[in-house]
């Protein structure tokens, strides 16, 4: 069982995202989720570098797609 941190993020789920998609650039994720994704971070940052600092909206978008198995497809499509 995972332990929730102070802001209710479960480390094992964020760790899974980081392990599988951590090299994805914020630029690519903005193509998927819009320009407001990971606001305040440069396009050249990688997801693993900002994952635990994302605002709730950006984090919930990524987690939802990861949990439903859609994240990889969306990243692949945006990378083309």
N, C-alpha and C. Protein backbone atom coordinates (compact mmCIF):
# COMPACT_ATOMS: atom_id res chain seq x y z
N UNK A 1 0.85 -1.18 0.00
CA UNK A 1 0.00 0.00 0.00
C UNK A 1 0.89 1.24 0.00
N UNK A 2 0.47 2.23 -0.70
CA UNK A 2 1.27 3.45 -0.78
C UNK A 2 0.86 4.41 0.32
N UNK A 3 1.79 5.25 0.70
CA UNK A 3 1.51 6.30 1.68
C UNK A 3 1.31 7.61 0.97
N UNK A 4 0.27 8.32 1.37
CA UNK A 4 0.03 9.63 0.78
C UNK A 4 0.95 10.64 1.44
N UNK A 5 1.47 11.55 0.66
CA UNK A 5 2.28 12.63 1.20
C UNK A 5 1.34 13.71 1.71
N UNK A 6 1.88 14.79 2.18
CA UNK A 6 1.06 15.86 2.74
C UNK A 6 0.01 16.39 1.78
N UNK A 7 0.31 16.41 0.50
CA UNK A 7 -0.67 16.93 -0.47
C UNK A 7 -1.42 15.80 -1.17
N UNK A 8 -1.49 14.63 -0.53
CA UNK A 8 -2.26 13.47 -1.00
C UNK A 8 -1.75 12.83 -2.29
N UNK A 9 -0.53 13.05 -2.66
CA UNK A 9 0.03 12.38 -3.82
C UNK A 9 0.61 11.05 -3.35
N UNK A 10 0.31 10.01 -4.05
CA UNK A 10 0.84 8.70 -3.70
C UNK A 10 2.15 8.49 -4.46
N UNK A 11 3.21 8.29 -3.72
CA UNK A 11 4.54 8.22 -4.32
C UNK A 11 4.66 7.09 -5.34
N UNK A 12 4.04 5.95 -5.11
CA UNK A 12 4.24 4.87 -6.06
C UNK A 12 3.65 5.20 -7.42
N UNK A 13 2.51 5.88 -7.50
CA UNK A 13 1.93 6.24 -8.79
C UNK A 13 2.78 7.30 -9.49
N UNK A 14 3.23 8.30 -8.76
CA UNK A 14 4.09 9.31 -9.37
C UNK A 14 5.41 8.69 -9.81
N UNK A 15 5.90 7.75 -9.03
CA UNK A 15 7.13 7.04 -9.38
C UNK A 15 6.98 6.22 -10.65
N UNK A 16 5.82 5.60 -10.81
CA UNK A 16 5.54 4.83 -12.03
C UNK A 16 5.55 5.73 -13.25
N UNK A 17 4.93 6.89 -13.11
CA UNK A 17 4.88 7.85 -14.22
C UNK A 17 6.29 8.31 -14.55
N UNK A 18 7.05 8.66 -13.53
CA UNK A 18 8.40 9.15 -13.74
C UNK A 18 9.28 8.08 -14.38
N UNK A 19 9.15 6.84 -13.93
CA UNK A 19 9.97 5.77 -14.48
C UNK A 19 9.66 5.51 -15.95
N UNK A 20 8.38 5.55 -16.29
CA UNK A 20 7.99 5.22 -17.66
C UNK A 20 8.07 6.41 -18.62
N UNK A 21 7.73 7.59 -18.14
CA UNK A 21 7.63 8.76 -19.02
C UNK A 21 8.49 9.93 -18.55
N UNK A 22 9.41 9.68 -17.66
CA UNK A 22 10.21 10.75 -17.06
C UNK A 22 11.04 11.56 -18.03
N UNK A 23 11.43 10.98 -19.14
CA UNK A 23 12.25 11.69 -20.13
C UNK A 23 11.43 12.58 -21.05
N UNK A 24 10.12 12.54 -20.93
CA UNK A 24 9.25 13.33 -21.80
C UNK A 24 9.42 14.82 -21.48
N UNK A 25 9.63 15.60 -22.51
CA UNK A 25 9.78 17.04 -22.33
C UNK A 25 8.45 17.70 -22.05
N UNK A 26 8.49 18.74 -21.24
CA UNK A 26 7.29 19.52 -20.95
C UNK A 26 6.70 20.06 -22.25
N UNK A 27 7.54 20.40 -23.20
CA UNK A 27 7.09 20.89 -24.52
C UNK A 27 6.12 19.89 -25.16
N UNK A 28 6.45 18.61 -25.11
CA UNK A 28 5.61 17.57 -25.68
C UNK A 28 4.29 17.47 -24.94
N UNK A 29 4.34 17.53 -23.61
CA UNK A 29 3.12 17.43 -22.81
C UNK A 29 2.22 18.64 -23.01
N UNK A 30 2.80 19.77 -23.33
CA UNK A 30 1.98 20.96 -23.62
C UNK A 30 1.22 20.79 -24.93
N UNK A 31 1.76 20.01 -25.86
CA UNK A 31 1.02 19.71 -27.09
C UNK A 31 -0.20 18.86 -26.77
N UNK A 32 -0.11 18.04 -25.74
CA UNK A 32 -1.22 17.18 -25.34
C UNK A 32 -2.23 17.93 -24.48
N UNK A 33 -1.75 18.64 -23.46
CA UNK A 33 -2.62 19.22 -22.44
C UNK A 33 -2.82 20.73 -22.55
N UNK A 34 -2.12 21.38 -23.45
CA UNK A 34 -2.26 22.82 -23.61
C UNK A 34 -1.11 23.58 -23.00
N UNK A 35 -0.98 24.83 -23.37
CA UNK A 35 0.17 25.66 -22.97
C UNK A 35 0.23 25.94 -21.47
N UNK A 36 -0.87 25.75 -20.76
CA UNK A 36 -0.84 26.02 -19.32
C UNK A 36 -0.32 24.84 -18.51
N UNK A 37 -0.04 23.71 -19.18
CA UNK A 37 0.49 22.55 -18.46
C UNK A 37 1.85 22.89 -17.87
N UNK A 38 2.05 22.55 -16.61
CA UNK A 38 3.32 22.80 -15.90
C UNK A 38 3.73 24.27 -16.02
N UNK A 39 2.78 25.14 -15.77
CA UNK A 39 3.03 26.58 -15.85
C UNK A 39 4.22 26.96 -14.98
N UNK A 40 5.07 27.80 -15.54
CA UNK A 40 6.23 28.28 -14.80
C UNK A 40 7.49 27.47 -15.05
N UNK A 41 7.38 26.38 -15.78
CA UNK A 41 8.55 25.55 -16.08
C UNK A 41 8.88 25.68 -17.56
N UNK A 42 10.18 25.68 -17.90
CA UNK A 42 10.58 25.79 -19.30
C UNK A 42 10.19 24.56 -20.12
N UNK A 43 10.00 24.76 -21.40
CA UNK A 43 9.68 23.66 -22.33
C UNK A 43 10.72 22.55 -22.30
N UNK A 44 11.95 22.88 -21.96
CA UNK A 44 13.04 21.92 -22.02
C UNK A 44 13.20 21.06 -20.76
N UNK A 45 12.40 21.34 -19.73
CA UNK A 45 12.44 20.50 -18.53
C UNK A 45 11.82 19.15 -18.87
N UNK A 46 12.25 18.12 -18.16
CA UNK A 46 11.68 16.79 -18.33
C UNK A 46 10.64 16.55 -17.25
N UNK A 47 9.69 15.69 -17.55
CA UNK A 47 8.60 15.42 -16.62
C UNK A 47 9.12 14.98 -15.26
N UNK A 48 10.12 14.13 -15.23
CA UNK A 48 10.62 13.64 -13.93
C UNK A 48 11.19 14.77 -13.07
N UNK A 49 11.64 15.84 -13.70
CA UNK A 49 12.22 16.96 -12.96
C UNK A 49 11.16 17.84 -12.30
N UNK A 50 9.95 17.81 -12.81
CA UNK A 50 8.89 18.69 -12.28
C UNK A 50 7.69 17.94 -11.73
N UNK A 51 7.64 16.63 -11.88
CA UNK A 51 6.46 15.85 -11.55
C UNK A 51 5.93 16.12 -10.14
N UNK A 52 6.77 16.09 -9.17
CA UNK A 52 6.33 16.27 -7.79
C UNK A 52 6.02 17.72 -7.43
N UNK A 53 6.31 18.64 -8.36
CA UNK A 53 6.04 20.06 -8.11
C UNK A 53 4.88 20.60 -8.95
N UNK A 54 4.24 19.74 -9.73
CA UNK A 54 3.15 20.18 -10.60
C UNK A 54 1.95 20.63 -9.79
N UNK A 55 1.21 21.59 -10.34
CA UNK A 55 -0.03 21.98 -9.69
C UNK A 55 -1.05 20.85 -9.84
N UNK A 56 -2.10 20.90 -9.07
CA UNK A 56 -3.07 19.81 -9.04
C UNK A 56 -3.71 19.52 -10.39
N UNK A 57 -3.99 20.56 -11.17
CA UNK A 57 -4.61 20.37 -12.48
C UNK A 57 -3.69 19.59 -13.41
N UNK A 58 -2.44 20.02 -13.53
CA UNK A 58 -1.49 19.34 -14.41
C UNK A 58 -1.24 17.91 -13.93
N UNK A 59 -1.05 17.74 -12.64
CA UNK A 59 -0.78 16.42 -12.10
C UNK A 59 -1.96 15.48 -12.33
N UNK A 60 -3.16 15.94 -12.10
CA UNK A 60 -4.32 15.06 -12.25
C UNK A 60 -4.52 14.65 -13.71
N UNK A 61 -4.19 15.53 -14.66
CA UNK A 61 -4.30 15.18 -16.07
C UNK A 61 -3.36 14.04 -16.42
N UNK A 62 -2.12 14.14 -15.99
CA UNK A 62 -1.12 13.12 -16.29
C UNK A 62 -1.48 11.81 -15.59
N UNK A 63 -1.84 11.89 -14.32
CA UNK A 63 -2.16 10.67 -13.57
C UNK A 63 -3.37 9.96 -14.15
N UNK A 64 -4.40 10.70 -14.53
CA UNK A 64 -5.60 10.09 -15.12
C UNK A 64 -5.23 9.32 -16.39
N UNK A 65 -4.47 9.96 -17.28
CA UNK A 65 -4.09 9.30 -18.52
C UNK A 65 -3.15 8.12 -18.28
N UNK A 66 -2.27 8.24 -17.30
CA UNK A 66 -1.38 7.12 -16.97
C UNK A 66 -2.19 5.94 -16.45
N UNK A 67 -3.11 6.20 -15.55
CA UNK A 67 -3.91 5.13 -14.94
C UNK A 67 -4.84 4.45 -15.94
N UNK A 68 -5.30 5.18 -16.95
CA UNK A 68 -6.19 4.58 -17.95
C UNK A 68 -5.42 4.00 -19.13
N UNK A 69 -4.11 4.17 -19.15
CA UNK A 69 -3.28 3.62 -20.22
C UNK A 69 -3.22 4.48 -21.47
N UNK A 70 -3.66 5.72 -21.40
CA UNK A 70 -3.68 6.60 -22.57
C UNK A 70 -2.45 7.50 -22.70
N UNK A 71 -1.68 7.63 -21.65
CA UNK A 71 -0.58 8.59 -21.65
C UNK A 71 0.46 8.27 -22.73
N UNK A 72 0.86 7.04 -22.83
CA UNK A 72 1.89 6.68 -23.81
C UNK A 72 1.44 7.01 -25.23
N UNK A 73 0.20 6.69 -25.56
CA UNK A 73 -0.32 6.99 -26.90
C UNK A 73 -0.33 8.50 -27.17
N UNK A 74 -0.77 9.27 -26.19
CA UNK A 74 -0.83 10.73 -26.35
C UNK A 74 0.56 11.32 -26.52
N UNK A 75 1.53 10.82 -25.77
CA UNK A 75 2.91 11.31 -25.90
C UNK A 75 3.47 10.96 -27.27
N UNK A 76 3.24 9.72 -27.70
CA UNK A 76 3.74 9.29 -29.02
C UNK A 76 3.14 10.15 -30.13
N UNK A 77 1.85 10.40 -30.06
CA UNK A 77 1.17 11.21 -31.07
C UNK A 77 1.70 12.65 -31.08
N UNK A 78 1.91 13.21 -29.90
CA UNK A 78 2.40 14.61 -29.81
C UNK A 78 3.85 14.74 -30.24
N UNK A 79 4.60 13.66 -30.15
CA UNK A 79 6.03 13.70 -30.50
C UNK A 79 6.27 13.68 -32.00
N UNK A 80 5.25 13.34 -32.78
CA UNK A 80 5.41 13.24 -34.24
C UNK A 80 5.41 14.57 -34.90
